[in-house]
């Protein structure tokens, strides 16, 4: 056993030295991997922060556009409803009349005439009170629906305008 001692001590020293060198090399490699990983995380964090800022600016811009469109269309709708109310008031006061331009074939007699005369070219036919009210309700509904549809279309254009030009 004593004869192997001169060989074991240098072998143990060599193994210990090899282990120390390998430990140092692996520690340096691990430090490089950690540094690279930290740099990648920092780059991702910066990219995400920039994307978040861009999306936030876009959202604020869209919100401002929505507010402006809402104000604009609310004013237009109020103006159109006021016009409808003014027309209804004028019809109720007798200042205006609702009439339909009607054509009747010359062969059809006009009621109340004895000579069988017809209204060949057309004449104005006045609406009844019930038909006038129905007309005003329809006009109010069409005005409101048209204004709402235009507002929705403009809002959709504003929202999709930036989406077409942006990346995924």
C-alpha atoms as a PDB file:
ATOM      1  CA  UNK A   1       0.000   0.000   0.000  1.00  0.00           C
ATOM      2  CA  UNK A   2       2.836   2.279   0.622  1.00  0.00           C
ATOM      3  CA  UNK A   3       4.118   1.715  -2.837  1.00  0.00           C
ATOM      4  CA  UNK A   4       0.922   3.229  -4.344  1.00  0.00           C
ATOM      5  CA  UNK A   5       1.007   6.323  -2.184  1.00  0.00           C
ATOM      6  CA  UNK A   6       3.394   8.282  -4.417  1.00  0.00           C
ATOM      7  CA  UNK A   7       0.998   7.676  -7.309  1.00  0.00           C
ATOM      8  CA  UNK A   8      -2.268   8.327  -5.475  1.00  0.00           C
ATOM      9  CA  UNK A   9      -1.272  11.695  -4.072  1.00  0.00           C
ATOM     10  CA  UNK A  10      -0.405  13.250  -7.479  1.00  0.00           C
ATOM     11  CA  UNK A  11      -3.488  11.610  -9.021  1.00  0.00           C
ATOM     12  CA  UNK A  12      -5.706  13.007  -6.255  1.00  0.00           C
ATOM     13  CA  UNK A  13      -4.042  16.399  -6.644  1.00  0.00           C
ATOM     14  CA  UNK A  14      -4.560  16.247 -10.420  1.00  0.00           C
ATOM     15  CA  UNK A  15      -8.217  15.243  -9.963  1.00  0.00           C
ATOM     16  CA  UNK A  16      -8.740  18.042  -7.467  1.00  0.00           C
ATOM     17  CA  UNK A  17      -7.085  20.518  -9.806  1.00  0.00           C
ATOM     18  CA  UNK A  18      -9.159  19.271 -12.765  1.00  0.00           C
ATOM     19  CA  UNK A  19     -12.316  19.557 -10.703  1.00  0.00           C
ATOM     20  CA  UNK A  20     -11.391  23.137  -9.711  1.00  0.00           C
ATOM     21  CA  UNK A  21     -10.676  24.114 -13.337  1.00  0.00           C
ATOM     22  CA  UNK A  22     -13.936  22.526 -14.526  1.00  0.00           C
ATOM     23  CA  UNK A  23     -15.851  24.251 -11.735  1.00  0.00           C
ATOM     24  CA  UNK A  24     -14.325  27.591 -12.729  1.00  0.00           C
ATOM     25  CA  UNK A  25     -15.125  26.981 -16.430  1.00  0.00           C
ATOM     26  CA  UNK A  26     -18.745  25.940 -15.697  1.00  0.00           C
ATOM     27  CA  UNK A  27     -19.219  28.914 -13.350  1.00  0.00           C
ATOM     28  CA  UNK A  28     -18.005  31.287 -16.075  1.00  0.00           C
ATOM     29  CA  UNK A  29     -20.271  29.628 -18.634  1.00  0.00           C
ATOM     30  CA  UNK A  30     -23.226  29.836 -16.246  1.00  0.00           C
ATOM     31  CA  UNK A  31     -22.485  33.532 -15.655  1.00  0.00           C
ATOM     32  CA  UNK A  32     -22.490  34.105 -19.436  1.00  0.00           C
ATOM     33  CA  UNK A  33     -25.823  32.297 -19.796  1.00  0.00           C
ATOM     34  CA  UNK A  34     -27.330  34.318 -16.951  1.00  0.00           C
ATOM     35  CA  UNK A  35     -26.053  37.593 -18.471  1.00  0.00           C
ATOM     36  CA  UNK A  36     -27.460  36.662 -21.913  1.00  0.00           C
ATOM     37  CA  UNK A  37     -30.763  35.694 -20.317  1.00  0.00           C
ATOM     38  CA  UNK A  38     -30.940  38.972 -18.385  1.00  0.00           C
ATOM     39  CA  UNK A  39     -30.199  40.930 -21.585  1.00  0.00           C
ATOM     40  CA  UNK A  40     -32.943  39.050 -23.447  1.00  0.00           C
ATOM     41  CA  UNK A  41     -35.418  39.713 -20.645  1.00  0.00           C
ATOM     42  CA  UNK A  42     -34.507  43.403 -20.626  1.00  0.00           C
ATOM     43  CA  UNK A  43     -34.955  43.620 -24.419  1.00  0.00           C
ATOM     44  CA  UNK A  44     -38.353  41.900 -24.173  1.00  0.00           C
ATOM     45  CA  UNK A  45     -39.384  44.200 -21.348  1.00  0.00           C
ATOM     46  CA  UNK A  46     -38.405  47.273 -23.374  1.00  0.00           C
ATOM     47  CA  UNK A  47     -40.252  45.972 -26.455  1.00  0.00           C
ATOM     48  CA  UNK A  48     -43.343  45.265 -24.364  1.00  0.00           C
ATOM     49  CA  UNK A  49     -43.196  48.705 -22.764  1.00  0.00           C
ATOM     50  CA  UNK A  50     -42.930  50.345 -26.206  1.00  0.00           C
ATOM     51  CA  UNK A  51     -45.842  48.266 -27.531  1.00  0.00           C
ATOM     52  CA  UNK A  52     -47.935  49.093 -24.475  1.00  0.00           C
ATOM     53  CA  UNK A  53     -47.218  52.803 -24.949  1.00  0.00           C
ATOM     54  CA  UNK A  54     -48.197  52.568 -28.646  1.00  0.00           C
ATOM     55  CA  UNK A  55     -51.417  50.713 -27.863  1.00  0.00           C
ATOM     56  CA  UNK A  56     -52.252  53.174 -25.092  1.00  0.00           C
ATOM     57  CA  UNK A  57     -51.752  56.136 -27.448  1.00  0.00           C
ATOM     58  CA  UNK A  58     -53.958  54.435 -30.057  1.00  0.00           C
ATOM     59  CA  UNK A  59     -56.668  53.748 -27.471  1.00  0.00           C
ATOM     60  CA  UNK A  60     -56.584  57.361 -26.267  1.00  0.00           C
ATOM     61  CA  UNK A  61     -56.777  58.587 -29.865  1.00  0.00           C
ATOM     62  CA  UNK A  62     -59.743  56.311 -30.575  1.00  0.00           C
ATOM     63  CA  UNK A  63     -61.479  57.443 -27.409  1.00  0.00           C
ATOM     64  CA  UNK A  64     -61.038  61.075 -28.436  1.00  0.00           C
ATOM     65  CA  UNK A  65     -62.392  60.292 -31.919  1.00  0.00           C
ATOM     66  CA  UNK A  66     -65.372  58.492 -30.395  1.00  0.00           C
ATOM     67  CA  UNK A  67     -66.140  61.463 -28.165  1.00  0.00           C
ATOM     68  CA  UNK A  68     -65.886  63.887 -31.102  1.00  0.00           C
ATOM     69  CA  UNK A  69     -68.047  61.667 -33.343  1.00  0.00           C
ATOM     70  CA  UNK A  70     -70.618  61.298 -30.585  1.00  0.00           C
ATOM     71  CA  UNK A  71     -70.811  65.058 -30.068  1.00  0.00           C
ATOM     72  CA  UNK A  72     -71.050  65.690 -33.817  1.00  0.00           C
ATOM     73  CA  UNK A  73     -73.767  63.109 -34.416  1.00  0.00           C
ATOM     74  CA  UNK A  74     -75.697  64.111 -31.311  1.00  0.00           C
ATOM     75  CA  UNK A  75     -75.811  67.690 -32.612  1.00  0.00           C
ATOM     76  CA  UNK A  76     -76.849  66.510 -36.092  1.00  0.00           C
ATOM     77  CA  UNK A  77     -79.555  64.276 -34.637  1.00  0.00           C
ATOM     78  CA  UNK A  78     -80.863  67.103 -32.435  1.00  0.00           C
ATOM     79  CA  UNK A  79     -80.918  69.445 -35.421  1.00  0.00           C
ATOM     80  CA  UNK A  80     -82.778  66.881 -37.567  1.00  0.00           C
ATOM     81  CA  UNK A  81     -85.272  66.180 -34.772  1.00  0.00           C
ATOM     82  CA  UNK A  82     -85.820  69.927 -34.347  1.00  0.00           C
ATOM     83  CA  UNK A  83     -86.478  70.207 -38.102  1.00  0.00           C
ATOM     84  CA  UNK A  84     -89.001  67.364 -37.838  1.00  0.00           C
ATOM     85  CA  UNK A  85     -90.658  69.013 -34.834  1.00  0.00           C
ATOM     86  CA  UNK A  86     -90.826  72.340 -36.687  1.00  0.00           C
ATOM     87  CA  UNK A  87     -92.416  70.622 -39.695  1.00  0.00           C
ATOM     88  CA  UNK A  88     -94.931  68.838 -37.460  1.00  0.00           C
ATOM     89  CA  UNK A  89     -95.788  72.117 -35.689  1.00  0.00           C
ATOM     90  CA  UNK A  90     -96.198  73.906 -39.034  1.00  0.00           C
ATOM     91  CA  UNK A  91     -98.522  71.153 -40.295  1.00  0.00           C
ATOM     92  CA  UNK A  92    -100.505  71.234 -37.031  1.00  0.00           C
ATOM     93  CA  UNK A  93    -100.795  75.037 -37.233  1.00  0.00           C
ATOM     94  CA  UNK A  94    -101.949  74.812 -40.843  1.00  0.00           C
ATOM     95  CA  UNK A  95     -98.966  76.743 -42.233  1.00  0.00           C
ATOM     96  CA  UNK A  96     -97.932  73.677 -44.238  1.00  0.00           C
ATOM     97  CA  UNK A  97     -99.760  70.699 -45.603  1.00  0.00           C
ATOM     98  CA  UNK A  98     -98.671  67.156 -46.288  1.00  0.00           C
ATOM     99  CA  UNK A  99     -99.564  66.208 -49.811  1.00  0.00           C
ATOM    100  CA  UNK A 100     -98.818  63.351 -52.126  1.00  0.00           C
ATOM    101  CA  UNK A 101     -98.401  63.904 -55.822  1.00  0.00           C
ATOM    102  CA  UNK A 102    -100.717  61.339 -57.360  1.00  0.00           C
ATOM    103  CA  UNK A 103    -101.419  60.432 -60.943  1.00  0.00           C
ATOM    104  CA  UNK A 104    -104.703  59.029 -61.918  1.00  0.00           C
ATOM    105  CA  UNK A 105    -105.488  57.710 -65.362  1.00  0.00           C
ATOM    106  CA  UNK A 106    -107.712  60.019 -67.374  1.00  0.00           C
ATOM    107  CA  UNK A 107    -110.289  57.236 -67.664  1.00  0.00           C
ATOM    108  CA  UNK A 108    -110.912  57.209 -63.886  1.00  0.00           C
ATOM    109  CA  UNK A 109    -113.569  59.717 -62.832  1.00  0.00           C
ATOM    110  CA  UNK A 110    -112.888  62.069 -59.942  1.00  0.00           C
ATOM    111  CA  UNK A 111    -115.401  61.481 -57.165  1.00  0.00           C
ATOM    112  CA  UNK A 112    -117.888  64.276 -56.767  1.00  0.00           C
ATOM    113  CA  UNK A 113    -117.890  65.333 -60.444  1.00  0.00           C
ATOM    114  CA  UNK A 114    -120.782  64.664 -62.762  1.00  0.00           C
ATOM    115  CA  UNK A 115    -119.013  65.026 -66.059  1.00  0.00           C
ATOM    116  CA  UNK A 116    -116.621  62.100 -65.507  1.00  0.00           C
ATOM    117  CA  UNK A 117    -113.585  64.356 -65.630  1.00  0.00           C
ATOM    118  CA  UNK A 118    -110.296  62.704 -64.655  1.00  0.00           C
ATOM    119  CA  UNK A 119    -107.053  63.926 -63.127  1.00  0.00           C
ATOM    120  CA  UNK A 120    -104.857  62.899 -66.045  1.00  0.00           C
ATOM    121  CA  UNK A 121    -101.624  64.795 -65.246  1.00  0.00           C
ATOM    122  CA  UNK A 122    -101.673  64.410 -61.491  1.00  0.00           C
ATOM    123  CA  UNK A 123    -102.738  66.477 -58.571  1.00  0.00           C
ATOM    124  CA  UNK A 124    -101.872  66.914 -54.945  1.00  0.00           C
ATOM    125  CA  UNK A 125    -103.790  64.709 -52.552  1.00  0.00           C
ATOM    126  CA  UNK A 126    -103.823  65.850 -48.940  1.00  0.00           C
ATOM    127  CA  UNK A 127    -103.134  63.268 -46.248  1.00  0.00           C
ATOM    128  CA  UNK A 128    -105.566  62.553 -43.444  1.00  0.00           C
ATOM    129  CA  UNK A 129    -104.618  63.479 -39.880  1.00  0.00           C
ATOM    130  CA  UNK A 130    -103.852  59.849 -39.016  1.00  0.00           C
ATOM    131  CA  UNK A 131    -101.684  59.449 -42.114  1.00  0.00           C
ATOM    132  CA  UNK A 132     -99.911  62.702 -41.234  1.00  0.00           C
ATOM    133  CA  UNK A 133     -99.127  61.424 -37.736  1.00  0.00           C
ATOM    134  CA  UNK A 134     -97.863  58.143 -39.183  1.00  0.00           C
ATOM    135  CA  UNK A 135     -95.723  60.103 -41.647  1.00  0.00           C
ATOM    136  CA  UNK A 136     -94.161  62.142 -38.842  1.00  0.00           C
ATOM    137  CA  UNK A 137     -93.469  59.003 -36.771  1.00  0.00           C
ATOM    138  CA  UNK A 138     -91.818  57.362 -39.772  1.00  0.00           C
ATOM    139  CA  UNK A 139     -89.817  60.485 -40.513  1.00  0.00           C
ATOM    140  CA  UNK A 140     -88.628  60.693 -36.878  1.00  0.00           C
ATOM    141  CA  UNK A 141     -87.653  57.015 -36.921  1.00  0.00           C
ATOM    142  CA  UNK A 142     -85.807  57.313 -40.234  1.00  0.00           C
ATOM    143  CA  UNK A 143     -83.980  60.426 -39.083  1.00  0.00           C
ATOM    144  CA  UNK A 144     -82.892  58.755 -35.857  1.00  0.00           C
ATOM    145  CA  UNK A 145     -81.904  55.468 -37.503  1.00  0.00           C
ATOM    146  CA  UNK A 146     -79.984  57.233 -40.279  1.00  0.00           C
ATOM    147  CA  UNK A 147     -78.056  59.342 -37.779  1.00  0.00           C
ATOM    148  CA  UNK A 148     -77.232  56.290 -35.653  1.00  0.00           C
ATOM    149  CA  UNK A 149     -76.141  54.282 -38.696  1.00  0.00           C
ATOM    150  CA  UNK A 150     -73.870  57.091 -39.905  1.00  0.00           C
ATOM    151  CA  UNK A 151     -72.333  57.376 -36.432  1.00  0.00           C
ATOM    152  CA  UNK A 152     -71.679  53.640 -36.292  1.00  0.00           C
ATOM    153  CA  UNK A 153     -70.133  53.655 -39.776  1.00  0.00           C
ATOM    154  CA  UNK A 154     -67.812  56.537 -38.928  1.00  0.00           C
ATOM    155  CA  UNK A 155     -66.839  54.874 -35.656  1.00  0.00           C
ATOM    156  CA  UNK A 156     -66.089  51.624 -37.472  1.00  0.00           C
ATOM    157  CA  UNK A 157     -63.978  53.485 -40.049  1.00  0.00           C
ATOM    158  CA  UNK A 158     -62.040  55.215 -37.251  1.00  0.00           C
ATOM    159  CA  UNK A 159     -61.403  51.957 -35.416  1.00  0.00           C
ATOM    160  CA  UNK A 160     -60.398  49.936 -38.481  1.00  0.00           C
ATOM    161  CA  UNK A 161     -58.320  52.726 -40.043  1.00  0.00           C
ATOM    162  CA  UNK A 162     -55.313  52.065 -37.820  1.00  0.00           C
ATOM    163  CA  UNK A 163     -55.738  48.280 -37.828  1.00  0.00           C
ATOM    164  CA  UNK A 164     -55.111  48.000 -41.593  1.00  0.00           C
ATOM    165  CA  UNK A 165     -51.757  49.780 -41.323  1.00  0.00           C
ATOM    166  CA  UNK A 166     -50.416  48.120 -38.194  1.00  0.00           C
ATOM    167  CA  UNK A 167     -48.559  44.860 -37.893  1.00  0.00           C
ATOM    168  CA  UNK A 168     -49.846  41.832 -35.960  1.00  0.00           C
END
